[in-house]
Amino acid sequence: MTRRRPVGAAEGRILTTPVGLAFPRDVTFESWEQAGQRISRIASSSAWYLGDWLVFGQDKYTDRYRRAVEAVGLDYQTLRNYAWISRKFEPSRRRQGLPFQHHAEVAALPPDEQDRWLDRAEREGWSRTALRRALREGRDPGSKPSRAALPKVSAASEAVDRWRRAAMAANADFEAWVVAALDRAADQDLELVSVPPPAELPGDAAEERGRGFVSLPAVRPAS
């Protein structure tokens, strides 16, 4: 059976449907790019909306809010992550020029440190990855980073030979090359998910305990 194109898609408009987007064949790059920007603003704003929604429910309907979360079918752990970040930033301190995930990166810091890093991120135009790296480097720039041994890993000999050739091509020590490759892979995977070390999570109250956080894809909030 031939699938029908949604009405309007052939007229040059990108349409939203309950299960995705419908693109016209003649969509321009500019239209496609603008659609991504709009979707990003919606995604970033919705994280704040959901976080604020749960915070309000936790405070006002302490014995019933979980039932509401279950009724609307939202993942409670994700909502709790959003709520933890929303509690860390009252609306007046949220930066319209930075996406939700930037706030997530600094949420575990004291308020003055949060503001300092967000100011720098805005001024320098940092991506979330750039902000994370700056935070990592700025935690203790004068000290030697702690080191931990990786677990023993078994891999196919062909793969190990390939890795060694790549390290040689890069004129790098094999162990250093492996560590750098893992770090690059971690940055790529953490583009969508950002989880702070357990020590950074609040633990002085039962209400706060366990509220780790995850960030949204790189998006910009509504202007």
Protein backbone atom coordinates (compact mmCIF):
# COMPACT_ATOMS: atom_id res chain seq x y z
CA MET A 1 0.00 0.00 0.00
CA THR A 2 1.34 3.43 -0.97
CA ARG A 3 1.94 5.71 2.01
CA ARG A 4 0.29 9.09 1.63
CA ARG A 5 2.36 12.19 2.20
CA PRO A 6 0.88 14.32 5.02
CA VAL A 7 -1.11 17.29 3.76
CA GLY A 8 1.12 20.35 3.59
CA ALA A 9 4.41 18.51 3.27
CA ALA A 10 4.39 19.01 -0.48
CA GLU A 11 3.84 22.74 -0.02
CA GLY A 12 7.32 23.37 1.32
CA ARG A 13 6.47 23.16 5.00
CA ILE A 14 7.99 20.81 7.58
CA LEU A 15 5.11 19.32 9.52
CA THR A 16 5.00 17.82 12.98
CA THR A 17 3.11 14.60 13.60
CA PRO A 18 2.60 12.54 16.77
CA VAL A 19 5.37 10.22 15.63
CA GLY A 20 7.89 12.52 13.97
CA LEU A 21 8.47 15.14 11.28
CA ALA A 22 7.28 15.14 7.67
CA PHE A 23 9.74 16.81 5.27
CA PRO A 24 8.85 18.12 1.81
CA ARG A 25 11.16 17.02 -0.97
CA ASP A 26 12.09 20.59 -1.80
CA VAL A 27 12.97 21.71 1.74
CA THR A 28 15.91 24.13 1.74
CA PHE A 29 18.92 23.92 4.02
CA GLU A 30 17.86 27.17 5.66
CA SER A 31 14.39 25.80 6.45
CA TRP A 32 15.85 22.56 7.77
CA GLU A 33 18.32 24.50 9.95
CA GLN A 34 15.63 26.80 11.33
CA ALA A 35 13.46 23.81 12.19
CA GLY A 36 16.30 22.33 14.23
CA GLN A 37 16.72 25.60 16.11
CA ARG A 38 13.03 25.74 16.93
CA ILE A 39 12.98 22.13 18.08
CA SER A 40 16.05 22.79 20.24
CA ARG A 41 14.36 25.74 21.93
CA ILE A 42 11.31 23.61 22.65
CA ALA A 43 13.42 20.73 24.00
CA SER A 44 15.44 22.98 26.30
CA SER A 45 12.41 24.84 27.58
CA SER A 46 10.50 21.61 28.17
CA ALA A 47 13.24 20.39 30.53
CA TRP A 48 12.71 23.48 32.70
CA TYR A 49 8.93 23.08 32.40
CA LEU A 50 9.01 19.47 33.54
CA GLY A 51 11.45 20.23 36.36
CA ASP A 52 9.34 23.11 37.64
CA TRP A 53 6.19 21.01 37.31
CA LEU A 54 7.60 18.26 39.51
CA VAL A 55 9.07 20.72 42.04
CA PHE A 56 5.64 22.31 42.44
CA GLY A 57 4.00 18.92 42.85
CA GLN A 58 6.60 17.77 45.38
CA ASP A 59 6.06 20.89 47.47
CA LYS A 60 2.28 21.20 47.24
CA TYR A 61 1.05 17.63 46.81
CA THR A 62 3.60 15.69 48.82
CA ASP A 63 1.44 12.60 49.18
CA ARG A 64 -0.08 12.57 45.69
CA TYR A 65 2.42 13.85 43.12
CA ARG A 66 3.90 10.42 42.39
CA ARG A 67 0.46 9.23 41.35
CA ALA A 68 0.18 12.14 38.88
CA VAL A 69 3.60 11.34 37.40
CA GLU A 70 2.58 7.73 36.86
CA ALA A 71 -0.76 8.78 35.38
CA VAL A 72 0.83 10.93 32.66
CA GLY A 73 3.36 8.22 31.82
CA LEU A 74 6.56 10.21 32.39
CA ASP A 75 9.76 8.61 33.64
CA TYR A 76 10.08 9.56 37.30
CA GLN A 77 13.86 9.32 37.47
CA THR A 78 14.25 11.68 34.53
CA LEU A 79 11.75 14.11 36.04
CA ARG A 80 13.54 13.95 39.37
CA ASN A 81 16.80 14.82 37.60
CA TYR A 82 15.14 17.82 35.97
CA ALA A 83 13.59 18.86 39.28
CA TRP A 84 16.94 18.73 41.08
CA ILE A 85 18.44 21.14 38.53
CA SER A 86 15.35 23.36 38.61
CA ARG A 87 15.67 23.68 42.40
CA LYS A 88 19.29 24.76 41.97
CA PHE A 89 18.32 27.60 39.62
CA GLU A 90 15.37 29.81 40.38
CA PRO A 91 14.01 31.31 37.13
CA SER A 92 15.78 34.65 37.64
CA ARG A 93 19.18 32.89 37.53
CA ARG A 94 18.51 30.80 34.44
CA ARG A 95 20.38 31.98 31.37
CA GLN A 96 18.27 32.32 28.26
CA GLY A 97 21.41 32.28 26.16
CA LEU A 98 22.51 28.88 27.47
CA PRO A 99 20.70 25.55 27.18
CA PHE A 100 19.45 23.51 30.09
CA GLN A 101 22.39 21.12 29.88
CA HIS A 102 24.89 23.90 30.65
CA HIS A 103 23.03 24.53 33.89
CA ALA A 104 23.10 20.80 34.58
CA GLU A 105 26.89 20.78 34.29
CA VAL A 106 27.32 23.32 37.11
CA ALA A 107 24.26 22.49 39.24
CA ALA A 108 26.30 20.72 41.93
CA LEU A 109 28.44 23.83 42.56
CA PRO A 110 27.71 26.66 45.04
CA PRO A 111 25.56 29.44 43.52
CA ASP A 112 28.41 31.92 43.11
CA GLU A 113 30.47 29.30 41.29
CA GLN A 114 27.51 28.39 39.13
CA ASP A 115 27.17 32.02 38.06
CA ARG A 116 30.88 32.40 37.42
CA TRP A 117 31.05 29.38 35.12
CA LEU A 118 27.83 30.24 33.31
CA ASP A 119 29.12 33.80 32.79
CA ARG A 120 32.27 32.38 31.20
CA ALA A 121 30.31 29.93 29.08
CA GLU A 122 28.15 32.77 27.73
CA ARG A 123 31.10 35.07 27.17
CA GLU A 124 33.25 32.45 25.44
CA GLY A 125 30.41 30.78 23.57
CA TRP A 126 31.31 27.40 25.08
CA SER A 127 29.52 24.24 24.07
CA ARG A 128 28.50 21.85 26.81
CA THR A 129 31.59 19.77 26.13
CA ALA A 130 33.84 22.84 26.35
CA LEU A 131 32.23 23.84 29.63
CA ARG A 132 32.72 20.36 31.06
CA ARG A 133 36.38 20.34 30.07
CA ALA A 134 36.93 23.77 31.59
CA LEU A 135 35.28 22.60 34.80
CA ARG A 136 37.45 19.51 34.88
CA GLU A 137 40.62 21.54 34.35
CA GLY A 138 39.56 24.24 36.80
CA ARG A 139 38.78 21.99 39.75
CA ASP A 140 42.42 21.74 40.84
CA PRO A 141 44.75 23.10 38.15
CA GLY A 142 47.84 23.05 40.33
CA SER A 143 47.71 19.46 41.45
CA LYS A 144 48.56 16.27 39.66
CA PRO A 145 45.38 14.45 38.61
CA SER A 146 44.65 11.27 40.49
CA ARG A 147 45.05 8.05 38.55
CA ALA A 148 43.20 4.76 38.61
CA ALA A 149 43.97 1.47 36.94
CA LEU A 150 41.55 0.27 34.30
CA PRO A 151 40.13 -3.24 34.55
CA LYS A 152 41.83 -5.85 32.41
CA VAL A 153 40.20 -5.92 29.01
CA SER A 154 40.37 -8.73 26.45
CA ALA A 155 40.03 -7.87 22.77
CA ALA A 156 40.54 -9.64 19.47
CA SER A 157 44.17 -9.64 18.41
CA GLU A 158 43.22 -8.04 15.09
CA ALA A 159 41.65 -5.13 16.93
CA VAL A 160 44.66 -4.66 19.20
CA ASP A 161 46.99 -4.71 16.17
CA ARG A 162 44.81 -2.09 14.51
CA TRP A 163 44.93 0.09 17.61
CA ARG A 164 48.70 -0.20 17.78
CA ARG A 165 49.03 0.82 14.14
CA ALA A 166 46.80 3.82 14.80
CA ALA A 167 48.94 4.83 17.79
CA MET A 168 52.08 4.53 15.67
CA ALA A 169 50.47 6.61 12.91
CA ALA A 170 49.72 9.28 15.51
CA ASN A 171 53.30 9.01 16.83
CA ALA A 172 51.86 8.36 20.29
CA ASP A 173 52.60 5.95 23.08
CA PHE A 174 50.12 3.07 22.82
CA GLU A 175 48.79 3.42 26.38
CA ALA A 176 48.43 7.19 26.01
CA TRP A 177 46.64 6.67 22.69
CA VAL A 178 44.18 4.23 24.27
CA VAL A 179 43.41 6.64 27.12
CA ALA A 180 42.91 9.53 24.67
CA ALA A 181 40.63 7.40 22.49
CA LEU A 182 38.53 6.43 25.50
CA ASP A 183 38.30 10.05 26.56
CA ARG A 184 37.11 11.08 23.09
CA ALA A 185 34.53 8.30 23.08
CA ALA A 186 33.33 9.36 26.54
CA ASP A 187 32.86 12.96 25.39
CA GLN A 188 30.83 11.77 22.40
CA ASP A 189 28.58 9.53 24.48
CA LEU A 190 28.15 12.19 27.16
CA GLU A 191 26.85 14.66 24.58
CA LEU A 192 23.42 13.28 25.44
CA VAL A 193 23.87 12.16 29.02
CA SER A 194 25.78 13.95 31.73
CA VAL A 195 26.06 12.27 35.12
CA PRO A 196 28.23 13.85 37.85
CA PRO A 197 30.39 11.75 40.17
CA PRO A 198 28.45 10.55 43.24
CA ALA A 199 30.54 12.79 45.48
CA GLU A 200 29.11 15.83 43.73
CA LEU A 201 25.53 14.90 44.45
CA PRO A 202 23.81 16.49 47.46
CA GLY A 203 23.58 14.08 50.34
CA ASP A 204 22.69 16.12 53.42
CA ALA A 205 18.94 15.53 53.27
CA ALA A 206 16.64 12.67 52.39
CA GLU A 207 14.72 14.85 49.97
CA GLU A 208 17.89 15.65 48.03
CA ARG A 209 19.62 12.32 48.26
CA GLY A 210 19.66 10.41 45.02
CA ARG A 211 18.82 13.37 42.83
CA GLY A 212 21.53 12.96 40.26
CA PHE A 213 20.92 14.56 36.93
CA VAL A 214 20.95 14.01 33.22
CA SER A 215 21.09 16.74 30.59
CA LEU A 216 19.24 17.18 27.34
CA PRO A 217 20.82 17.13 23.92
CA ALA A 218 22.62 20.34 23.02
CA VAL A 219 19.78 22.81 22.61
CA ARG A 220 19.09 26.49 23.00
CA PRO A 221 16.27 27.84 25.16
CA ALA A 222 13.49 29.99 23.84
CA SER A 223 14.38 33.66 23.49
